[in-house]
Amino acid sequence: MRAFVVSIMLGTSFFSSVDASAYQVKSGGDTTVAQTGGNAFSLPANNLPMMKQLDFSVGNSFFRNPWVKAPSTTDARDGLGPLFNTNGCQNCHIKDGRGHPPETSDNNAVSMLVRLSVPAMSAQQQRDLIRYGVIPEPTYGDQLQDFALADRKPEGQIAITYQYEHRRFADGSVIELRKPEVSIKALGYGPMADNVQLSARIAPPMIGLGLLESIPNQTLLKWQDPDDIDGDGISGRVNRVWDIEKQATVIGRFGWKAGQPSLMQQNAAAFNGDIGLTSRLFPSENCMPVQTVCQQMPNGGVPEVSDKILKFVEFYSQHLGVPARRNSNQPLVQQGQKLFSTAGCDGCHKPSVQTGIRDDLPSLSQQTISPYSDLLLHDMGDGLADHRSEFLASGREWRTPPLWGLGYTNEVNGHSYFLHDGRARNLMEAIVWHGGEAREAQQAVLHFNAQQREALIAFLNSL
């Protein structure tokens, strides 16, 4: 609770002496928090009333604390597995921050998972794509669970190796890139389909998600340009996904391919796929029909995650504050910001937008924010392609990830792995991996000299 009070006490005075426009420094508008170090991503929105911080704290407890095997005296948190990736949300979103790939072949992949699917071959499967987004692998479903309860077998073990290549800047400098090759070993329930599609994903940061949810649909539709009518080479588009509560197809916002429409559904899907917990939105265990282990094991109630818990976790994930920008007045940072724009990076990484009116969530309402994202799908080229579609997103398309908080990654998580699978070991590697619609921006950066590259990274680290 002490951290919450510090956030409120620093609220206005922290920003009053900053000589810059509000949106440049207060990345999350009035929700922006003044915090550095390992807890920079874990504070409630700065404008969240004290009475509402209790709801935030309760949601935090269900996000942070582990779930256990049923039956248990801890009946509010039992029902884990029997197949799962982790026993708690915080294990993937470490300190509410960014996950990472295994450091060595011997490490488990707790903060990274592997999506599975097969191509849609029949007319029925094509129709299923509209409703479910992917066609699950017949034996293992749409996500590999690499852990199981003590007396059960996990689905398999993730193995990652890397292929290395080099790119050259115009000034002769060379950068090494690595590309992961994912395989699954020690399969516990038989062979996978020959045409299985694998896609490794690290957990993204949790900050500012409620603000992203509050950007009006009209804004996203205005930003998209699927036919590149303006001729700038950027043809972003919204994903259209199935909303379980509305029983309708709506705009997707969350996940690496914008495959989830809301934080409520995103959280419920994670409870189900990652921890093996049922809810009103996902009432079935995360076992495929051939995996009878789910029927053999006791559950933690029907459903295992109550609507009350879902609402607390939703509130928590909506109100994690975005930390303030730092060093925005430094000449090197300001030069980097201009180079960011000159290269065309802000064509997708939109620097400023206003949230809509949220009568139910006033702290998130009508905030001018700087997420540096348009939440749209963009073709990122062959280099980043996972060749796995998700609703309308093709195997080459990814949602523009928000950049706010980039400069805090090392402080919060102790690493600097970026992109959907953590292949980039630093920000410059992430930039050079850009292709497709971002190729012109990538080429511009490859022609920057060493000082310009330093300025660009300084700007990104200021966010």
Protein backbone atom coordinates (compact mmCIF):
# COMPACT_ATOMS: atom_id res chain seq x y z
CA MET A 1 0.00 0.00 0.00
CA ARG A 2 2.95 2.33 0.62
CA ALA A 3 3.77 2.41 -3.11
CA PHE A 4 0.18 3.43 -3.87
CA VAL A 5 0.37 6.37 -1.45
CA VAL A 6 3.70 7.51 -2.89
CA SER A 7 2.13 7.52 -6.35
CA ILE A 8 -0.69 9.79 -5.23
CA MET A 9 1.56 12.13 -3.27
CA LEU A 10 3.78 12.62 -6.28
CA GLY A 11 0.79 13.04 -8.61
CA THR A 12 0.92 16.66 -9.80
CA SER A 13 4.12 17.98 -8.26
CA PHE A 14 6.22 15.39 -10.07
CA PHE A 15 5.18 16.77 -13.44
CA SER A 16 4.75 20.46 -12.67
CA SER A 17 8.36 21.41 -13.36
CA VAL A 18 8.64 19.52 -16.66
CA ASP A 19 9.02 21.87 -19.61
CA ALA A 20 7.33 19.74 -22.27
CA SER A 21 3.83 19.16 -23.54
CA ALA A 22 1.74 17.00 -21.23
CA TYR A 23 1.37 14.04 -23.56
CA GLN A 24 5.12 13.87 -24.18
CA VAL A 25 5.93 13.30 -20.50
CA LYS A 26 2.67 11.96 -19.07
CA SER A 27 2.44 8.97 -21.39
CA GLY A 28 -0.73 7.77 -19.71
CA GLY A 29 -2.34 11.17 -19.28
CA ASP A 30 -3.55 11.71 -15.73
CA THR A 31 -3.08 8.00 -15.02
CA THR A 32 0.72 8.38 -15.38
CA VAL A 33 2.70 7.28 -12.34
CA ALA A 34 6.00 8.55 -10.95
CA GLN A 35 7.95 5.44 -10.21
CA THR A 36 11.31 4.00 -11.23
CA GLY A 37 13.02 0.71 -10.48
CA GLY A 38 11.59 -2.76 -10.29
CA ASN A 39 8.05 -1.70 -9.39
CA ALA A 40 7.64 0.86 -12.18
CA PHE A 41 4.89 -1.21 -13.87
CA SER A 42 3.03 -2.24 -10.72
CA LEU A 43 1.33 0.91 -9.45
CA PRO A 44 -2.34 1.83 -9.84
CA ALA A 45 -3.27 4.69 -12.15
CA ASN A 46 -2.23 7.96 -10.52
CA ASN A 47 -5.76 9.39 -10.69
CA LEU A 48 -7.46 6.29 -9.25
CA PRO A 49 -9.38 7.31 -6.10
CA MET A 50 -8.18 5.78 -2.85
CA MET A 51 -11.44 3.88 -2.38
CA LYS A 52 -11.00 2.21 -5.76
CA GLN A 53 -7.44 1.21 -4.92
CA LEU A 54 -8.87 -1.49 -2.69
CA ASP A 55 -10.44 -3.13 -5.77
CA PHE A 56 -7.09 -2.77 -7.51
CA SER A 57 -5.34 -4.45 -4.59
CA VAL A 58 -7.79 -7.37 -4.53
CA GLY A 59 -7.34 -7.86 -8.27
CA ASN A 60 -3.59 -7.74 -7.78
CA SER A 61 -3.79 -10.54 -5.22
CA PHE A 62 -5.56 -12.86 -7.67
CA PHE A 63 -3.11 -11.86 -10.41
CA ARG A 64 -0.03 -12.39 -8.24
CA ASN A 65 -0.74 -15.36 -5.97
CA PRO A 66 -0.50 -18.97 -7.21
CA TRP A 67 -3.43 -21.27 -7.88
CA VAL A 68 -3.35 -24.77 -6.40
CA LYS A 69 -4.59 -28.26 -7.18
CA ALA A 70 -8.18 -29.11 -6.26
CA PRO A 71 -9.54 -29.99 -3.82
CA SER A 72 -7.92 -27.61 -1.39
CA THR A 73 -8.78 -25.61 1.69
CA THR A 74 -7.79 -22.59 -0.45
CA ASP A 75 -11.04 -22.98 -2.34
CA ALA A 76 -10.95 -19.49 -3.85
CA ARG A 77 -7.76 -20.43 -5.72
CA ASP A 78 -8.03 -24.14 -6.44
CA GLY A 79 -8.53 -25.91 -9.74
CA LEU A 80 -5.04 -25.58 -11.25
CA GLY A 81 -4.45 -27.65 -14.37
CA PRO A 82 -4.20 -30.57 -14.72
CA LEU A 83 -2.36 -29.23 -17.81
CA PHE A 84 -0.99 -25.69 -17.62
CA ASN A 85 1.84 -23.30 -18.45
CA THR A 86 2.09 -21.65 -15.05
CA ASN A 87 0.25 -21.49 -11.72
CA GLY A 88 -0.09 -17.70 -11.59
CA CYS A 89 -0.43 -14.72 -13.92
CA GLN A 90 2.56 -12.91 -12.42
CA ASN A 91 4.88 -15.77 -13.39
CA CYS A 92 4.47 -14.83 -17.05
CA HIS A 93 3.97 -11.08 -16.71
CA ILE A 94 6.93 -10.74 -14.36
CA LYS A 95 6.40 -7.68 -12.14
CA ASP A 96 3.61 -6.80 -14.60
CA GLY A 97 6.26 -6.55 -17.29
CA ARG A 98 7.67 -8.40 -20.24
CA GLY A 99 8.34 -12.11 -20.52
CA HIS A 100 11.41 -13.66 -22.09
CA PRO A 101 12.43 -16.79 -23.97
CA PRO A 102 14.39 -19.52 -22.17
CA GLU A 103 17.95 -18.36 -21.54
CA THR A 104 19.34 -21.83 -22.25
CA SER A 105 18.04 -25.09 -23.62
CA ASP A 106 17.74 -26.35 -20.03
CA ASN A 107 15.46 -23.52 -18.87
CA ASN A 108 11.70 -23.86 -18.90
CA ALA A 109 9.60 -21.40 -20.85
CA VAL A 110 7.38 -20.06 -18.06
CA SER A 111 7.05 -16.52 -19.49
CA MET A 112 6.82 -17.75 -23.08
CA LEU A 113 4.27 -20.06 -24.66
CA VAL A 114 3.80 -21.72 -28.02
CA ARG A 115 0.59 -21.31 -29.99
CA LEU A 116 -0.51 -24.29 -32.08
CA SER A 117 -2.86 -24.67 -35.02
CA VAL A 118 -3.32 -26.38 -38.37
CA PRO A 119 -4.37 -24.76 -41.66
CA ALA A 120 -8.06 -24.58 -42.47
CA MET A 121 -8.56 -27.21 -45.16
CA SER A 122 -12.32 -27.83 -45.33
CA ALA A 123 -15.26 -25.48 -45.84
CA GLN A 124 -16.33 -26.11 -42.22
CA GLN A 125 -12.87 -25.21 -40.97
CA GLN A 126 -12.98 -22.00 -42.99
CA ARG A 127 -16.24 -21.12 -41.23
CA ASP A 128 -14.72 -22.07 -37.87
CA LEU A 129 -11.94 -19.57 -38.46
CA ILE A 130 -14.49 -16.75 -38.31
CA ARG A 131 -15.73 -17.93 -34.90
CA TYR A 132 -12.61 -19.31 -33.25
CA GLY A 133 -9.74 -17.57 -35.02
CA VAL A 134 -7.64 -20.71 -35.51
CA ILE A 135 -8.08 -24.41 -36.14
CA PRO A 136 -6.57 -26.18 -33.11
CA GLU A 137 -4.04 -28.96 -33.52
CA PRO A 138 -6.22 -32.12 -33.16
CA THR A 139 -4.37 -33.64 -30.19
CA TYR A 140 -2.87 -30.66 -28.37
CA GLY A 141 -5.27 -27.78 -29.04
CA ASP A 142 -4.24 -24.19 -29.74
CA GLN A 143 -1.57 -23.86 -27.06
CA LEU A 144 1.07 -26.21 -25.70
CA GLN A 145 0.87 -26.80 -21.95
CA ASP A 146 4.39 -27.73 -20.85
CA PHE A 147 3.52 -28.34 -17.18
CA ALA A 148 1.13 -30.75 -15.45
CA LEU A 149 0.12 -31.73 -11.95
CA ALA A 150 2.64 -33.94 -10.20
CA ASP A 151 0.98 -37.24 -11.10
CA ARG A 152 0.19 -36.31 -14.72
CA LYS A 153 2.11 -35.86 -17.95
CA PRO A 154 2.63 -32.42 -19.53
CA GLU A 155 1.89 -32.09 -23.20
CA GLY A 156 5.50 -31.61 -24.13
CA GLN A 157 8.63 -29.58 -23.69
CA ILE A 158 9.52 -26.48 -25.70
CA ALA A 159 12.92 -26.51 -27.38
CA ILE A 160 14.40 -23.41 -29.02
CA THR A 161 17.51 -23.12 -31.13
CA TYR A 162 18.72 -20.02 -32.98
CA GLN A 163 19.96 -19.29 -36.45
CA TYR A 164 22.17 -16.24 -36.77
CA GLU A 165 22.59 -13.71 -39.54
CA HIS A 166 24.22 -10.33 -39.95
CA ARG A 167 23.04 -7.01 -41.35
CA ARG A 168 25.24 -4.10 -42.32
CA PHE A 169 24.59 -0.42 -41.73
CA ALA A 170 25.54 2.08 -44.40
CA ASP A 171 28.56 3.18 -42.36
CA GLY A 172 29.92 -0.36 -42.35
CA SER A 173 28.87 -1.33 -38.85
CA VAL A 174 27.46 -4.85 -38.51
CA ILE A 175 24.65 -6.10 -36.29
CA GLU A 176 23.99 -9.76 -35.48
CA LEU A 177 20.39 -10.99 -35.52
CA ARG A 178 19.07 -14.29 -34.23
CA LYS A 179 15.98 -16.15 -35.40
CA PRO A 180 14.39 -18.83 -33.20
CA GLU A 181 13.47 -22.27 -34.44
CA VAL A 182 10.84 -23.83 -32.20
CA SER A 183 10.25 -27.53 -31.76
CA ILE A 184 8.38 -29.65 -29.24
CA LYS A 185 9.99 -32.70 -27.65
CA ALA A 186 8.85 -35.34 -25.16
CA LEU A 187 5.27 -35.26 -26.45
CA GLY A 188 3.00 -36.72 -23.80
CA TYR A 189 -0.13 -37.58 -25.79
CA GLY A 190 1.04 -38.88 -29.14
CA PRO A 191 2.35 -37.27 -32.31
CA MET A 192 1.32 -33.84 -33.58
CA ALA A 193 -0.20 -33.27 -37.00
CA ASP A 194 2.37 -33.12 -39.77
CA ASN A 195 1.06 -29.69 -40.81
CA VAL A 196 1.13 -28.17 -37.30
CA GLN A 197 1.91 -24.46 -37.13
CA LEU A 198 4.00 -23.27 -34.16
CA SER A 199 4.31 -19.68 -32.94
CA ALA A 200 6.34 -18.70 -29.87
CA ARG A 201 5.01 -15.74 -27.87
CA ILE A 202 6.45 -13.94 -24.84
CA ALA A 203 4.16 -12.23 -22.35
CA PRO A 204 3.73 -8.49 -23.09
CA PRO A 205 3.78 -5.75 -20.40
CA MET A 206 0.54 -5.04 -18.53
CA ILE A 207 0.77 -1.25 -18.28
CA GLY A 208 -1.89 1.01 -19.79
CA LEU A 209 -4.15 -1.78 -21.02
CA GLY A 210 -7.32 -0.05 -19.84
CA LEU A 211 -6.32 3.05 -21.77
CA LEU A 212 -5.83 1.00 -24.93
CA GLU A 213 -9.24 -0.56 -24.37
CA SER A 214 -10.68 2.97 -24.12
CA ILE A 215 -9.48 4.21 -27.53
CA PRO A 216 -12.68 4.64 -29.57
CA ASN A 217 -13.39 2.20 -32.38
CA GLN A 218 -13.85 5.16 -34.69
CA THR A 219 -10.25 6.20 -34.11
CA LEU A 220 -8.92 2.77 -35.06
CA LEU A 221 -11.13 2.67 -38.15
CA LYS A 222 -9.92 6.13 -39.14
CA TRP A 223 -6.30 5.02 -38.82
CA GLN A 224 -6.64 1.90 -40.91
CA ASP A 225 -5.83 2.06 -44.61
CA PRO A 226 -6.06 -1.53 -45.87
CA ASP A 227 -5.69 -0.54 -49.53
CA ASP A 228 -2.95 2.05 -48.86
CA ILE A 229 -5.01 4.77 -50.48
CA ASP A 230 -2.62 7.46 -49.25
CA GLY A 231 0.31 5.67 -50.91
CA ASP A 232 2.63 5.76 -47.90
CA GLY A 233 3.31 2.02 -48.04
CA ILE A 234 1.45 1.42 -44.77
CA SER A 235 -1.83 -0.48 -44.99
CA GLY A 236 -2.82 -1.23 -41.42
CA ARG A 237 -6.18 -2.78 -40.67
CA VAL A 238 -8.19 -3.83 -37.65
CA ASN A 239 -8.59 -7.47 -36.78
CA ARG A 240 -12.16 -8.72 -36.47
CA VAL A 241 -12.59 -11.28 -33.70
CA TRP A 242 -15.33 -13.12 -31.82
CA ASP A 243 -16.59 -11.51 -28.62
CA ILE A 244 -17.99 -14.27 -26.40
CA GLU A 245 -20.04 -11.97 -24.18
CA LYS A 246 -21.57 -10.04 -27.08
CA GLN A 247 -21.86 -13.12 -29.31
CA ALA A 248 -20.71 -10.96 -32.18
CA THR A 249 -17.68 -10.17 -34.29
CA VAL A 250 -15.98 -6.99 -33.09
CA ILE A 251 -12.63 -5.18 -33.38
CA GLY A 252 -9.69 -6.97 -31.77
CA ARG A 253 -7.20 -5.05 -29.60
CA PHE A 254 -5.20 -7.40 -27.38
CA GLY A 255 -2.62 -10.06 -28.02
CA TRP A 256 0.26 -10.08 -30.49
CA LYS A 257 -2.19 -10.38 -33.40
CA ALA A 258 -5.07 -8.41 -31.81
CA GLY A 259 -6.95 -11.67 -31.36
CA GLN A 260 -8.91 -10.66 -28.25
CA PRO A 261 -11.60 -7.94 -28.10
CA SER A 262 -11.47 -6.98 -24.43
CA LEU A 263 -9.46 -7.34 -21.26
CA MET A 264 -12.21 -9.44 -19.73
CA GLN A 265 -11.94 -12.01 -22.52
CA GLN A 266 -8.15 -11.76 -22.69
CA ASN A 267 -7.89 -12.50 -18.96
CA ALA A 268 -10.42 -15.33 -19.05
CA ALA A 269 -8.61 -16.90 -22.01
CA ALA A 270 -5.31 -16.70 -20.11
CA PHE A 271 -6.85 -18.28 -17.02
CA ASN A 272 -8.10 -21.11 -19.22
CA GLY A 273 -5.15 -21.68 -21.55
CA ASP A 274 -2.26 -20.76 -19.25
CA ILE A 275 -3.45 -21.97 -15.83
CA GLY A 276 -6.11 -24.54 -16.76
CA LEU A 277 -9.03 -22.75 -15.08
CA THR A 278 -12.62 -22.59 -16.26
CA SER A 279 -14.84 -19.49 -16.17
CA ARG A 280 -18.17 -18.33 -17.49
CA LEU A 281 -16.51 -17.30 -20.75
CA PHE A 282 -14.48 -20.51 -21.08
CA PRO A 283 -16.49 -23.20 -19.28
CA SER A 284 -14.53 -26.19 -20.63
CA GLU A 285 -11.17 -27.46 -19.42
CA ASN A 286 -8.24 -26.84 -21.74
CA CYS A 287 -7.90 -30.52 -22.69
CA MET A 288 -8.59 -31.91 -26.15
CA PRO A 289 -10.94 -34.95 -26.42
CA VAL A 290 -8.09 -37.47 -26.51
CA GLN A 291 -6.67 -36.03 -23.29
CA THR A 292 -8.90 -37.74 -20.74
CA VAL A 293 -6.78 -36.38 -17.90
CA CYS A 294 -9.21 -33.48 -17.42
CA GLN A 295 -12.14 -35.82 -16.85
CA GLN A 296 -10.11 -37.94 -14.43
CA MET A 297 -9.08 -35.11 -12.11
CA PRO A 298 -11.26 -33.16 -9.65
CA ASN A 299 -12.03 -29.56 -10.53
CA GLY A 300 -12.12 -26.47 -8.38
CA GLY A 301 -15.81 -25.76 -8.86
CA VAL A 302 -18.02 -24.80 -11.78
CA PRO A 303 -16.66 -22.41 -12.83
CA GLU A 304 -13.27 -22.36 -11.14
CA VAL A 305 -12.83 -18.61 -11.64
CA SER A 306 -15.95 -16.80 -10.49
CA ASP A 307 -17.33 -13.70 -12.18
CA LYS A 308 -16.37 -11.76 -9.05
CA ILE A 309 -12.72 -12.75 -9.40
CA LEU A 310 -12.79 -12.01 -13.13
CA LYS A 311 -14.09 -8.51 -12.42
CA PHE A 312 -11.37 -7.82 -9.86
CA VAL A 313 -8.64 -9.00 -12.23
CA GLU A 314 -10.19 -6.98 -15.05
CA PHE A 315 -10.16 -3.84 -12.89
CA TYR A 316 -6.55 -4.47 -11.92
CA SER A 317 -5.42 -4.97 -15.52
CA GLN A 318 -7.34 -1.87 -16.62
CA HIS A 319 -5.70 0.41 -14.07
CA LEU A 320 -2.00 -0.45 -14.03
CA GLY A 321 -0.41 2.94 -14.50
CA VAL A 322 2.05 3.89 -17.24
CA PRO A 323 5.32 5.31 -15.87
CA ALA A 324 6.29 8.80 -16.93
CA ARG A 325 8.73 9.49 -19.72
CA ARG A 326 12.24 10.44 -18.64
CA ASN A 327 14.89 12.70 -20.15
CA SER A 328 12.51 14.14 -22.73
CA ASN A 329 14.30 17.50 -22.61
CA GLN A 330 17.73 16.09 -23.39
CA PRO A 331 19.01 17.18 -26.84
CA LEU A 332 19.98 13.62 -27.79
CA VAL A 333 16.48 12.36 -26.95
CA GLN A 334 14.82 15.18 -28.88
CA GLN A 335 17.05 14.47 -31.87
CA GLY A 336 16.05 10.80 -31.65
CA GLN A 337 12.37 11.74 -31.56
CA LYS A 338 12.77 13.71 -34.77
CA LEU A 339 14.65 10.83 -36.41
CA PHE A 340 11.86 8.45 -35.30
CA SER A 341 9.40 10.60 -37.21
CA THR A 342 11.71 11.23 -40.18
CA ALA A 343 12.21 7.48 -40.65
CA GLY A 344 8.43 7.02 -40.70
CA CYS A 345 8.20 4.96 -37.53
CA ASP A 346 5.27 7.06 -36.32
CA GLY A 347 3.23 5.87 -39.29
CA CYS A 348 2.33 2.84 -37.16
CA HIS A 349 3.59 3.82 -33.71
CA LYS A 350 1.15 6.71 -33.28
CA PRO A 351 2.54 9.13 -30.69
CA SER A 352 -0.70 10.54 -29.32
CA VAL A 353 -4.40 9.71 -29.07
CA GLN A 354 -7.33 10.51 -26.80
CA THR A 355 -9.39 7.88 -25.02
CA GLY A 356 -13.16 8.00 -25.21
CA ILE A 357 -15.72 8.73 -22.50
CA ARG A 358 -15.85 5.91 -19.93
CA ASP A 359 -18.68 6.67 -17.53
CA ASP A 360 -17.97 3.36 -15.79
CA LEU A 361 -14.21 3.99 -15.57
CA PRO A 362 -13.72 7.73 -15.09
CA SER A 363 -9.98 7.48 -14.43
CA LEU A 364 -9.51 6.23 -18.00
CA SER A 365 -11.96 8.65 -19.58
CA GLN A 366 -10.85 11.32 -22.10
CA GLN A 367 -7.14 10.97 -21.42
CA THR A 368 -4.54 12.20 -23.91
CA ILE A 369 -2.04 9.35 -24.03
CA SER A 370 1.14 8.38 -25.88
CA PRO A 371 1.11 4.61 -26.40
CA TYR A 372 3.05 4.78 -29.68
CA SER A 373 0.72 2.23 -31.27
CA ASP A 374 -2.24 2.19 -33.63
CA LEU A 375 -3.41 -1.29 -32.45
CA LEU A 376 -3.69 -2.24 -36.13
CA LEU A 377 -2.40 -5.27 -38.00
CA HIS A 378 0.57 -4.68 -40.30
CA ASP A 379 2.43 -6.96 -42.68
CA MET A 380 5.90 -7.13 -41.15
CA GLY A 381 7.53 -9.20 -43.88
CA ASP A 382 8.94 -12.70 -44.15
CA GLY A 383 11.57 -12.23 -41.46
CA LEU A 384 9.04 -11.87 -38.64
CA ALA A 385 6.33 -14.09 -40.16
CA ASP A 386 5.10 -17.02 -38.09
CA HIS A 387 2.95 -18.30 -41.00
CA ARG A 388 0.02 -18.76 -38.62
CA SER A 389 -3.20 -16.83 -39.12
CA GLU A 390 -5.51 -15.64 -36.34
CA PHE A 391 -8.96 -14.43 -37.36
CA LEU A 392 -8.19 -11.90 -40.13
CA ALA A 393 -4.50 -11.61 -39.26
CA SER A 394 -2.28 -13.41 -41.73
CA GLY A 395 0.91 -15.26 -40.92
CA ARG A 396 2.88 -12.11 -41.78
CA GLU A 397 0.77 -9.63 -39.80
CA TRP A 398 1.25 -8.40 -36.23
CA ARG A 399 -0.47 -5.78 -34.13
CA THR A 400 1.68 -2.69 -33.53
CA PRO A 401 2.95 -3.14 -29.96
CA PRO A 402 2.82 -0.06 -27.70
CA LEU A 403 6.24 1.42 -26.97
CA TRP A 404 5.46 3.20 -23.71
CA GLY A 405 7.61 1.92 -20.87
CA LEU A 406 10.36 0.56 -23.16
CA GLY A 407 13.10 2.32 -21.23
CA TYR A 408 12.02 0.64 -17.98
CA THR A 409 12.38 -2.93 -19.27
CA ASN A 410 15.80 -3.62 -17.78
CA GLU A 411 14.83 -2.08 -14.44
CA VAL A 412 11.61 -4.08 -14.16
CA ASN A 413 12.57 -7.36 -15.79
CA GLY A 414 16.34 -7.44 -15.90
CA HIS A 415 16.55 -8.10 -19.62
CA SER A 416 16.08 -6.39 -22.96
CA TYR A 417 14.38 -9.04 -25.11
CA PHE A 418 11.84 -7.65 -27.58
CA LEU A 419 9.44 -8.65 -30.39
CA HIS A 420 6.76 -11.32 -30.14
CA ASP A 421 9.15 -14.19 -29.49
CA GLY A 422 11.90 -12.32 -27.68
CA ARG A 423 14.40 -12.85 -30.48
CA ALA A 424 15.68 -9.27 -30.35
CA ARG A 425 18.25 -8.82 -27.58
CA ASN A 426 18.10 -5.05 -27.74
CA LEU A 427 16.07 -2.30 -29.38
CA MET A 428 18.29 -1.92 -32.44
CA GLU A 429 17.92 -5.61 -33.26
CA ALA A 430 14.14 -5.20 -32.98
CA ILE A 431 14.22 -2.27 -35.40
CA VAL A 432 16.37 -4.07 -37.97
CA TRP A 433 14.00 -7.04 -37.93
CA HIS A 434 11.23 -4.80 -39.28
CA GLY A 435 10.19 -5.53 -42.85
CA GLY A 436 7.08 -5.51 -45.02
CA GLU A 437 5.19 -2.27 -44.43
CA ALA A 438 8.02 -1.11 -42.16
CA ARG A 439 10.80 -1.78 -44.67
CA GLU A 440 11.22 1.89 -45.61
CA ALA A 441 11.60 2.83 -41.95
CA GLN A 442 14.06 -0.01 -41.45
CA GLN A 443 16.11 1.10 -44.46
CA ALA A 444 16.18 4.66 -43.16
CA VAL A 445 17.62 3.44 -39.85
CA LEU A 446 20.17 1.26 -41.63
CA HIS A 447 21.42 4.47 -43.25
CA PHE A 448 21.69 6.36 -39.95
CA ASN A 449 25.22 6.97 -38.73
CA ALA A 450 26.35 5.82 -35.29
CA GLN A 451 25.42 9.10 -33.59
CA GLN A 452 21.94 9.08 -35.13
CA ARG A 453 21.41 5.49 -34.05
CA GLU A 454 22.44 6.44 -30.53
CA ALA A 455 19.92 9.28 -30.56
CA LEU A 456 17.12 7.03 -31.80
CA ILE A 457 17.75 4.48 -29.03
CA ALA A 458 17.97 7.30 -26.47
CA PHE A 459 14.51 8.45 -27.53
CA LEU A 460 13.03 4.94 -27.30
CA ASN A 461 14.60 4.48 -23.87
CA SER A 462 13.00 7.75 -22.75
CA LEU A 463 9.51 6.34 -23.25
